[in-house]
Structure formats: structure tokens, C-alpha cells
Amino acid sequence: MGPGEHGVGLARFVPRIALEWAVEEPEARWRPVPATMVFADISGFTALTERLSDQGRVGAEELVEVLRSRSSVGCSVRCCASPSAAAARC
């Protein structure tokens, strides 16, 4: 493998920005970035995905719509702005 060819086969599995960073600073193992991270437990998600997976592509599309309908920037902002009311709003 020549220079610059390392990991070419994995490029489709790695976020574009991570590839750019690897080229810019190949020795860097981490990089500070401004970000927000959310961990959420969706009650009944496993049962829902199992039920929808039986429907094939239609089920996958329905799952995407369910997730989109339940998440929004507005909800995230309200939850962060008022943590005590998070459960009632989101």
C-alpha cells in the first residue's frame, strides 16, 4: 500500500470529517469539538423494531417516520432549558 492508501476500503464506513481529520493530523487520537450528546432510552423500541422488521422496507420507513415525529430541535431545546419539565415535554 502506498502513502494515502491506508483505510481506503473503510472510507464508506467512516464519517467524512473523521477522514479529513485523519489526513490533517494522522497522529491525533482525539480532538476537542463543540457538541451536545444525548442518551435516550425509548420505551418499547425493541418490540417496535421487531414488529416493523417483519414488514421489510415498509416497516423500516415507518420506523424512520416514528423517530422523526418524536424528535425535534424544539423539543431538545425545551428539555435543556427546563430540565425539571423534560419528562412532560419530550
Protein backbone atom coordinates (compact mmCIF):
# COMPACT_ATOMS: atom_id res chain seq x y z
CA MET A 1 0.00 0.00 0.00
CA GLY A 2 1.33 3.40 -0.93
CA PRO A 3 1.06 6.62 1.05
CA GLY A 4 -2.50 7.85 1.41
CA GLU A 5 -3.99 4.45 0.59
CA HIS A 6 -4.45 3.27 4.18
CA GLY A 7 -8.08 2.72 5.06
CA VAL A 8 -9.45 3.42 1.58
CA GLY A 9 -11.67 0.34 1.80
CA LEU A 10 -13.17 1.59 5.07
CA ALA A 11 -13.87 5.14 3.85
CA ARG A 12 -17.56 4.45 3.25
CA PHE A 13 -17.98 3.46 6.91
CA VAL A 14 -16.22 6.48 8.41
CA PRO A 15 -17.72 9.98 8.70
CA ARG A 16 -16.27 12.40 6.15
CA ILE A 17 -14.99 14.74 8.84
CA ALA A 18 -13.08 11.91 10.53
CA LEU A 19 -11.35 11.15 7.23
CA GLU A 20 -10.45 14.82 6.80
CA TRP A 21 -9.05 14.96 10.34
CA ALA A 22 -7.03 11.78 9.73
CA VAL A 23 -5.41 13.40 6.71
CA GLU A 24 -4.79 16.72 8.53
CA GLU A 25 -3.34 15.16 11.71
CA PRO A 26 -2.79 11.41 11.26
CA GLU A 27 -1.13 11.07 14.68
CA ALA A 28 -4.02 12.68 16.60
CA ARG A 29 -6.16 10.21 18.57
CA TRP A 30 -8.83 12.71 19.66
CA ARG A 31 -9.92 16.27 19.01
CA PRO A 32 -12.00 18.65 21.13
CA VAL A 33 -15.19 19.77 19.40
CA PRO A 34 -18.17 21.86 20.49
CA ALA A 35 -21.03 19.39 20.72
CA THR A 36 -24.05 18.16 22.59
CA MET A 37 -24.65 14.49 23.26
CA VAL A 38 -27.95 12.91 24.19
CA PHE A 39 -28.52 9.44 25.57
CA ALA A 40 -32.13 8.35 25.42
CA ASP A 41 -33.98 5.20 26.30
CA ILE A 42 -37.06 4.77 24.15
CA SER A 43 -39.59 2.63 25.96
CA GLY A 44 -40.81 -0.21 23.75
CA PHE A 45 -38.26 0.44 21.00
CA THR A 46 -37.06 -3.17 20.70
CA ALA A 47 -40.60 -4.52 20.42
CA LEU A 48 -41.45 -1.82 17.87
CA THR A 49 -38.41 -2.57 15.69
CA GLU A 50 -39.10 -6.32 15.83
CA ARG A 51 -42.72 -5.79 14.78
CA LEU A 52 -41.80 -3.41 11.97
CA SER A 53 -38.91 -5.55 10.70
CA ASP A 54 -41.45 -8.19 9.69
CA GLN A 55 -42.83 -5.67 7.18
CA GLY A 56 -39.48 -5.22 5.39
CA ARG A 57 -38.81 -1.88 3.71
CA VAL A 58 -42.24 -0.51 4.57
CA GLY A 59 -41.56 -1.23 8.25
CA ALA A 60 -38.17 0.49 8.08
CA GLU A 61 -39.76 3.57 6.53
CA GLU A 62 -42.45 3.59 9.21
CA LEU A 63 -39.79 3.38 11.93
CA VAL A 64 -37.99 6.39 10.44
CA GLU A 65 -41.23 8.35 10.44
CA VAL A 66 -41.96 7.41 14.06
CA LEU A 67 -38.50 8.58 15.12
CA ARG A 68 -38.79 11.81 13.14
CA SER A 69 -42.20 12.57 14.62
CA ARG A 70 -40.85 12.10 18.16
CA SER A 71 -37.70 14.16 17.82
CA SER A 72 -37.20 17.80 17.00
CA VAL A 73 -34.82 20.61 17.77
CA GLY A 74 -37.60 22.43 19.61
CA CYS A 75 -38.08 19.52 21.98
CA SER A 76 -34.35 19.29 22.67
CA VAL A 77 -34.09 23.00 23.39
CA ARG A 78 -37.06 22.97 25.76
CA CYS A 79 -35.68 19.96 27.60
CA CYS A 80 -32.28 21.58 28.03
CA ALA A 81 -33.78 24.91 29.04
CA SER A 82 -36.05 23.38 31.65
CA PRO A 83 -34.73 20.01 32.87
CA SER A 84 -37.45 19.68 35.51
CA ALA A 85 -40.11 19.71 32.79
CA ALA A 86 -38.22 17.44 30.39
CA ALA A 87 -40.32 14.34 31.02
CA ALA A 88 -43.56 16.21 30.45
CA ARG A 89 -42.44 17.84 27.23
CA CYS A 90 -40.36 15.17 25.50
